């Protein structure tokens, strides 16, 4: 069982508040996307609104989990699932990365985004993972 709500560290409350602000920002973005989808009749904006809604739900849950300490955080749930069956989750994550990589390659081929920008994004992802690994940052 997780600690009671009265034992939540101040830093964890700050993180929860930041997640809450993220939810509010996403809700504003969702409203704008729905408005634009309605006016333009372009389903792309509706899909972006739904995707943003999913992120808002995840951020809202994370804010709740951090603020109250009454539920496990998303990173803790993920870590537990990964530890329970590593080979399956490595395969799942590899397939997700392959899919996302394919989308990036397709996006790069059909847009005017410079290859350098895609490369910088990939390097930032790898660098961030390396920092997390070297700092031994564990899910909480």
Protein backbone atom coordinates (compact mmCIF):
# COMPACT_ATOMS: atom_id res chain seq x y z
CA UNK A 1 0.00 0.00 0.00
CA UNK A 2 1.17 3.52 -0.71
CA UNK A 3 1.85 6.13 1.95
CA UNK A 4 -1.01 8.24 3.20
CA UNK A 5 -1.82 11.60 1.63
CA UNK A 6 -0.37 13.46 4.63
CA UNK A 7 3.15 12.16 3.93
CA UNK A 8 3.46 13.57 0.41
CA UNK A 9 6.79 15.43 0.02
CA UNK A 10 6.66 19.08 -1.09
CA UNK A 11 8.60 18.33 -4.28
CA UNK A 12 6.01 15.76 -5.23
CA UNK A 13 3.28 18.36 -4.74
CA UNK A 14 5.16 20.74 -7.04
CA UNK A 15 5.34 18.01 -9.69
CA UNK A 16 1.62 17.34 -9.28
CA UNK A 17 0.87 21.04 -9.68
CA UNK A 18 2.98 21.16 -12.84
CA UNK A 19 1.04 18.19 -14.23
CA UNK A 20 -2.19 19.98 -13.32
CA UNK A 21 -1.07 23.08 -15.24
CA UNK A 22 -0.24 20.81 -18.17
CA UNK A 23 -3.80 19.45 -18.07
CA UNK A 24 -5.23 22.98 -18.17
CA UNK A 25 -3.01 23.89 -21.13
CA UNK A 26 -4.04 20.73 -22.96
CA UNK A 27 -7.71 21.46 -22.31
CA UNK A 28 -7.29 24.89 -23.92
CA UNK A 29 -5.50 23.31 -26.88
CA UNK A 30 -8.26 20.70 -27.20
CA UNK A 31 -10.91 23.44 -27.28
CA UNK A 32 -9.03 25.26 -30.04
CA UNK A 33 -8.55 22.05 -32.02
CA UNK A 34 -12.23 21.13 -31.76
CA UNK A 35 -13.19 24.65 -32.84
CA UNK A 36 -10.81 24.46 -35.81
CA UNK A 37 -12.02 20.96 -36.72
CA UNK A 38 -15.60 22.20 -36.64
CA UNK A 39 -14.88 25.20 -38.86
CA UNK A 40 -12.60 23.47 -41.35
CA UNK A 41 -14.32 20.05 -41.34
CA UNK A 42 -10.82 18.57 -41.33
CA UNK A 43 -10.69 15.26 -39.40
CA UNK A 44 -6.98 15.78 -38.74
CA UNK A 45 -7.80 18.40 -36.12
CA UNK A 46 -10.37 16.12 -34.52
CA UNK A 47 -7.76 13.35 -34.26
CA UNK A 48 -5.29 15.81 -32.72
CA UNK A 49 -7.97 16.80 -30.20
CA UNK A 50 -8.59 13.14 -29.28
CA UNK A 51 -4.86 12.49 -28.94
CA UNK A 52 -4.47 15.58 -26.78
CA UNK A 53 -7.41 14.35 -24.71
CA UNK A 54 -5.58 11.09 -24.07
CA UNK A 55 -2.52 13.00 -22.93
CA UNK A 56 -4.70 15.19 -20.69
CA UNK A 57 -6.21 12.10 -19.03
CA UNK A 58 -2.74 10.63 -18.45
CA UNK A 59 -1.45 13.92 -17.02
CA UNK A 60 -4.54 14.23 -14.83
CA UNK A 61 -4.00 10.74 -13.44
CA UNK A 62 -0.32 11.49 -12.83
CA UNK A 63 -1.24 14.73 -11.04
CA UNK A 64 -3.70 12.82 -8.84
CA UNK A 65 -1.17 10.06 -8.11
CA UNK A 66 1.56 12.57 -7.24
CA UNK A 67 -0.65 14.88 -5.17
CA UNK A 68 -2.42 12.25 -3.07
CA UNK A 69 0.08 9.37 -3.11
CA UNK A 70 -3.06 7.20 -3.17
CA UNK A 71 -2.30 5.51 -6.49
CA UNK A 72 0.86 4.32 -8.22
CA UNK A 73 2.40 6.71 -10.74
CA UNK A 74 2.46 5.83 -14.42
CA UNK A 75 6.21 5.25 -14.31
CA UNK A 76 5.82 2.85 -11.37
CA UNK A 77 3.06 0.93 -13.16
CA UNK A 78 5.27 0.74 -16.25
CA UNK A 79 8.31 -0.39 -14.26
CA UNK A 80 6.32 -3.13 -12.51
CA UNK A 81 4.92 -4.40 -15.81
CA UNK A 82 8.36 -4.34 -17.42
CA UNK A 83 9.95 -6.21 -14.52
CA UNK A 84 7.21 -8.85 -14.55
CA UNK A 85 7.94 -9.94 -18.14
CA UNK A 86 10.95 -8.22 -19.70
CA UNK A 87 11.14 -10.04 -23.06
CA UNK A 88 7.52 -9.30 -23.94
CA UNK A 89 7.83 -5.62 -22.99
CA UNK A 90 11.12 -5.20 -24.84
CA UNK A 91 9.35 -6.58 -27.93
CA UNK A 92 6.33 -4.28 -27.40
CA UNK A 93 8.51 -1.20 -26.91
CA UNK A 94 10.66 -2.14 -29.91
CA UNK A 95 7.56 -2.40 -32.09
CA UNK A 96 6.31 0.97 -30.84
CA UNK A 97 9.69 2.57 -31.60
CA UNK A 98 9.69 0.97 -35.06
CA UNK A 99 6.20 2.33 -35.73
CA UNK A 100 7.10 5.80 -34.48
CA UNK A 101 10.32 5.75 -36.49
CA UNK A 102 8.37 4.82 -39.61
CA UNK A 103 5.95 7.67 -39.00
CA UNK A 104 8.86 10.11 -38.62
CA UNK A 105 10.45 8.87 -41.84
CA UNK A 106 7.14 9.22 -43.67
CA UNK A 107 6.56 12.68 -42.15
CA UNK A 108 10.07 13.71 -43.13
CA UNK A 109 9.48 12.52 -46.69
CA UNK A 110 6.16 14.31 -47.12
CA UNK A 111 6.98 17.61 -45.45
CA UNK A 112 9.55 20.34 -45.58
CA UNK A 113 11.05 19.47 -42.20
CA UNK A 114 14.81 19.49 -42.36
CA UNK A 115 16.64 16.23 -41.69
CA UNK A 116 18.78 18.08 -39.14
CA UNK A 117 15.70 18.77 -37.02
CA UNK A 118 14.71 15.10 -36.99
CA UNK A 119 18.32 14.20 -36.15
CA UNK A 120 18.44 16.68 -33.28
CA UNK A 121 15.19 15.25 -31.89
CA UNK A 122 16.58 11.70 -32.08
CA UNK A 123 19.85 12.75 -30.46
CA UNK A 124 17.95 14.50 -27.65
CA UNK A 125 15.95 11.31 -27.02
CA UNK A 126 19.10 9.18 -26.84
CA UNK A 127 20.95 11.76 -24.73
CA UNK A 128 18.05 12.04 -22.27
CA UNK A 129 17.89 8.26 -21.93
CA UNK A 130 21.64 8.12 -21.35
CA UNK A 131 21.45 10.78 -18.65
CA UNK A 132 18.59 8.91 -16.92
CA UNK A 133 20.58 5.67 -17.08
CA UNK A 134 23.84 7.19 -15.78
CA UNK A 135 22.04 9.09 -13.01
CA UNK A 136 20.23 5.88 -12.06
CA UNK A 137 16.88 7.67 -12.10
CA UNK A 138 14.30 5.12 -11.08
CA UNK A 139 10.52 5.37 -11.36
CA UNK A 140 8.78 6.53 -8.20
